N, C-alpha and C. Protein backbone atom coordinates (compact mmCIF):
# COMPACT_ATOMS: atom_id res chain seq x y z
N UNK A 1 0.96 -1.40 0.30
CA UNK A 1 0.22 -0.01 -0.26
C UNK A 1 0.77 1.24 -0.10
N UNK A 2 0.44 2.07 -0.87
CA UNK A 2 0.92 3.15 -1.24
C UNK A 2 0.89 4.61 -0.54
N UNK A 3 1.92 5.48 0.04
CA UNK A 3 0.73 6.59 0.83
C UNK A 3 0.30 7.84 -0.33
N UNK A 4 -0.27 8.36 0.17
CA UNK A 4 -0.86 9.15 -0.83
C UNK A 4 -0.19 10.42 -1.60
N UNK A 5 -0.10 10.32 -2.93
CA UNK A 5 0.70 12.22 -3.18
C UNK A 5 1.01 12.87 -2.36
N UNK A 6 1.13 13.39 -3.13
CA UNK A 6 1.69 15.10 -1.99
C UNK A 6 0.30 16.31 -2.50
N UNK A 7 -0.01 15.78 -3.77
CA UNK A 7 -1.25 16.94 -3.91
C UNK A 7 -2.33 16.74 -3.18
N UNK A 8 -2.80 14.93 -2.99
CA UNK A 8 -4.05 14.40 -2.48
C UNK A 8 -4.06 14.43 -1.67
N UNK A 9 -2.42 14.68 -0.65
CA UNK A 9 -3.15 14.50 1.15
C UNK A 9 -2.74 16.26 1.58
N UNK A 10 -2.42 17.07 1.04
CA UNK A 10 -2.75 18.47 0.50
C UNK A 10 -4.31 18.56 0.37
N UNK A 11 -4.57 18.37 -0.62
CA UNK A 11 -6.24 18.63 -1.06
C UNK A 11 -7.17 17.73 0.74
N UNK A 12 -6.63 16.73 1.06
CA UNK A 12 -7.72 16.12 2.11
C UNK A 12 -7.43 16.93 3.13
N UNK A 13 -6.35 17.78 3.91
CA UNK A 13 -6.41 19.12 4.62
C UNK A 13 -6.96 19.59 4.49
N UNK A 14 -6.97 20.40 3.36
CA UNK A 14 -7.57 21.58 3.25
C UNK A 14 -8.84 20.98 3.54
N UNK A 15 -9.60 20.23 2.59
CA UNK A 15 -11.65 19.71 2.71
C UNK A 15 -11.41 19.36 4.25
N UNK A 16 -10.70 18.78 5.11
CA UNK A 16 -10.73 18.42 6.59
C UNK A 16 -10.88 20.34 7.77
N UNK A 17 -9.88 21.04 6.59
CA UNK A 17 -9.91 22.58 7.29
C UNK A 17 -11.62 23.11 6.92
N UNK A 18 -12.40 23.04 6.08
CA UNK A 18 -13.13 23.30 5.21
C UNK A 18 -14.32 22.85 6.82
N UNK A 19 -13.93 21.82 6.69
CA UNK A 19 -15.05 20.82 7.54
C UNK A 19 -15.06 21.58 9.06
N UNK A 20 -13.85 21.58 9.70
CA UNK A 20 -13.57 22.15 11.11
C UNK A 20 -14.01 23.19 10.94
N UNK A 21 -13.85 24.06 10.27
CA UNK A 21 -14.40 25.50 10.25
C UNK A 21 -16.22 25.46 10.25
N UNK A 22 -16.97 24.43 10.02
CA UNK A 22 -18.23 23.98 9.75
C UNK A 22 -19.12 25.55 9.49
N UNK A 23 -18.89 25.77 8.11
CA UNK A 23 -19.35 26.88 7.83
C UNK A 23 -18.89 28.14 8.12
N UNK A 24 -18.39 28.57 8.73
CA UNK A 24 -17.78 29.52 9.17
C UNK A 24 -16.34 30.08 7.96
N UNK A 25 -16.71 30.77 7.42
CA UNK A 25 -15.82 31.76 5.79
C UNK A 25 -14.23 32.05 6.30
N UNK A 26 -13.40 31.72 5.96
CA UNK A 26 -12.05 31.36 6.05
C UNK A 26 -11.35 32.70 5.65
N UNK A 27 -10.64 33.07 6.45
CA UNK A 27 -9.63 34.03 5.78
C UNK A 27 -8.13 34.10 5.41
N UNK A 28 -7.44 34.72 4.79
CA UNK A 28 -5.75 34.65 4.55
C UNK A 28 -5.92 33.29 4.25
N UNK A 29 -6.58 32.27 3.50
CA UNK A 29 -5.78 30.98 4.03
C UNK A 29 -4.74 31.07 3.03
N UNK A 30 -4.27 32.03 2.22
CA UNK A 30 -3.19 31.15 1.10
C UNK A 30 -1.91 31.76 1.68
N UNK A 31 -2.13 32.87 2.37
CA UNK A 31 -0.82 32.65 3.21
C UNK A 31 -0.77 32.20 4.11
N UNK A 32 -1.85 31.62 5.76
CA UNK A 32 -2.21 30.84 6.38
C UNK A 32 -1.05 29.52 5.77
N UNK A 33 -1.38 29.01 4.28
CA UNK A 33 -1.21 27.70 3.47
C UNK A 33 0.27 27.58 3.41
N UNK A 34 0.48 28.94 2.82
CA UNK A 34 1.98 29.15 2.71
C UNK A 34 3.31 28.79 3.58
N UNK A 35 2.47 29.65 5.28
CA UNK A 35 3.49 29.86 6.18
C UNK A 35 3.93 28.47 6.31
N UNK A 36 2.30 27.71 6.72
CA UNK A 36 2.16 26.30 7.65
C UNK A 36 2.97 24.79 7.13
N UNK A 37 2.99 25.53 5.02
CA UNK A 37 3.74 24.08 4.76
C UNK A 37 5.07 24.74 4.24
N UNK A 38 5.55 25.94 4.22
CA UNK A 38 6.84 26.17 3.88
C UNK A 38 7.94 26.16 5.06
N UNK A 39 7.60 25.80 6.44
CA UNK A 39 7.90 25.96 7.68
C UNK A 39 9.21 24.62 7.88
N UNK A 40 7.80 23.26 7.78
CA UNK A 40 8.60 21.93 7.71
C UNK A 40 9.21 21.73 6.39
N UNK A 41 9.04 21.96 4.85
CA UNK A 41 9.75 22.47 4.20
C UNK A 41 10.93 22.44 4.34
N UNK A 42 11.01 24.11 4.99
CA UNK A 42 12.62 24.25 5.24
C UNK A 42 13.20 23.30 6.37
N UNK A 43 12.24 22.95 7.93
CA UNK A 43 12.97 22.28 8.29
C UNK A 43 14.00 20.81 7.15
N UNK A 44 12.85 20.06 6.81
CA UNK A 44 13.14 18.90 6.48
C UNK A 44 14.12 18.76 5.44
N UNK A 45 14.10 19.82 4.36
CA UNK A 45 15.39 20.12 3.60
C UNK A 45 16.82 20.68 4.32
N UNK A 46 16.79 21.82 5.21
CA UNK A 46 17.70 21.73 6.23
C UNK A 46 18.72 20.60 6.35
N UNK A 47 17.26 19.94 6.98
CA UNK A 47 18.33 18.59 8.09
C UNK A 47 18.96 17.64 7.02
N UNK A 48 18.23 17.48 5.44
CA UNK A 48 18.54 16.40 4.21
C UNK A 48 20.36 17.42 4.31
N UNK A 49 20.06 18.75 4.17
CA UNK A 49 21.46 19.03 3.04
C UNK A 49 22.49 19.16 4.45
N UNK A 50 22.43 18.98 5.72
CA UNK A 50 22.95 19.03 6.89
C UNK A 50 22.89 20.27 6.96
N UNK A 51 22.33 21.09 7.26
CA UNK A 51 22.23 22.48 7.26
C UNK A 51 23.24 23.34 6.59
N UNK A 52 23.39 22.94 5.44
CA UNK A 52 24.48 23.36 4.57
C UNK A 52 23.24 24.67 3.25
N UNK A 53 23.31 25.88 4.11
CA UNK A 53 22.36 26.81 3.27
C UNK A 53 22.40 26.64 1.85
N UNK A 54 24.04 26.80 1.49
CA UNK A 54 23.76 27.04 0.09
C UNK A 54 23.19 25.87 -0.65
N UNK A 55 23.40 24.56 -0.12
CA UNK A 55 22.96 23.64 -0.70
C UNK A 55 21.29 23.05 -0.98
N UNK A 56 20.74 24.26 0.63
CA UNK A 56 19.59 23.79 0.88
C UNK A 56 18.78 24.70 -0.65
N UNK A 57 19.33 25.93 -0.17
CA UNK A 57 19.02 26.77 -1.47
C UNK A 57 19.13 26.64 -2.52
N UNK A 58 19.93 25.82 -3.89
CA UNK A 58 19.89 25.40 -4.43
C UNK A 58 19.11 24.10 -4.36
N UNK A 59 18.81 23.42 -3.88
CA UNK A 59 17.99 22.14 -3.75
C UNK A 59 16.16 23.33 -4.23
N UNK A 60 15.83 24.17 -2.92
CA UNK A 60 15.21 24.60 -3.50
C UNK A 60 14.34 26.21 -4.39
N UNK A 61 15.41 26.49 -4.88
CA UNK A 61 15.60 27.03 -6.36
C UNK A 61 15.20 28.46 -5.64
N UNK A 62 16.36 28.76 -4.59
CA UNK A 62 16.04 29.74 -3.98
C UNK A 62 17.32 30.81 -3.63
N UNK A 63 17.57 31.92 -3.55
CA UNK A 63 18.61 32.65 -3.45
C UNK A 63 18.85 32.05 -1.95
N UNK A 64 20.53 32.07 -1.78
CA UNK A 64 20.70 31.35 -0.36
C UNK A 64 20.42 33.02 0.19
N UNK A 65 20.21 34.33 0.17
CA UNK A 65 19.74 35.27 0.95
C UNK A 65 18.39 35.19 1.10
N UNK A 66 17.34 34.71 0.48
CA UNK A 66 16.18 34.04 0.47
C UNK A 66 15.58 33.24 1.49
N UNK A 67 16.44 31.92 1.22
CA UNK A 67 17.17 31.32 2.41
C UNK A 67 17.04 31.52 3.54
N UNK A 68 18.14 32.55 3.89
CA UNK A 68 17.68 32.93 5.12
C UNK A 68 16.96 33.83 5.54
N UNK A 69 16.63 34.62 4.90
CA UNK A 69 15.52 35.37 5.24
C UNK A 69 14.06 34.63 5.82
N UNK A 70 13.71 33.39 5.15
CA UNK A 70 12.74 32.75 5.40
C UNK A 70 12.92 31.38 6.56
N UNK A 71 14.41 31.43 6.92
CA UNK A 71 15.01 30.64 7.82
C UNK A 71 14.52 31.48 9.17
N UNK A 72 14.85 32.50 9.14
CA UNK A 72 15.24 33.12 10.05
C UNK A 72 13.08 34.30 10.80
N UNK A 73 12.54 34.42 9.55
CA UNK A 73 11.02 34.39 9.47
C UNK A 73 10.48 33.48 10.85
N UNK A 74 10.94 32.20 10.03
CA UNK A 74 9.90 31.21 11.00
C UNK A 74 11.04 30.53 12.38
N UNK A 75 11.63 31.27 12.44
CA UNK A 75 12.34 31.46 13.82
C UNK A 75 13.37 29.82 13.83
N UNK A 76 14.10 29.34 12.80
CA UNK A 76 14.68 28.25 12.42
C UNK A 76 16.50 28.86 12.09
N UNK A 77 16.45 29.82 12.81
CA UNK A 77 17.72 30.64 12.88
C UNK A 77 18.16 31.63 13.81
N UNK A 78 19.28 31.35 14.69
CA UNK A 78 18.82 32.73 15.74
C UNK A 78 19.93 33.88 14.64
N UNK A 79 19.33 35.01 15.00
CA UNK A 79 19.85 36.34 14.64
C UNK A 79 21.08 36.45 14.20
């Protein structure tokens, strides 16, 4: 038995989010989802890259300075 695909997992979680809202209108979903997904993405990539920011930035397709800024925003680096 294989795991669900990433898009299927995201879709299922968004459907669950709407269900949890129980009819209440959502707000700022795009920003919320990007922040919720971005932090674990950065955590896993940084771990897999052995905390090498240049390598992680390359894997993510980001400029190293942009990666550093995002790591700081998510509290994943000491200022």
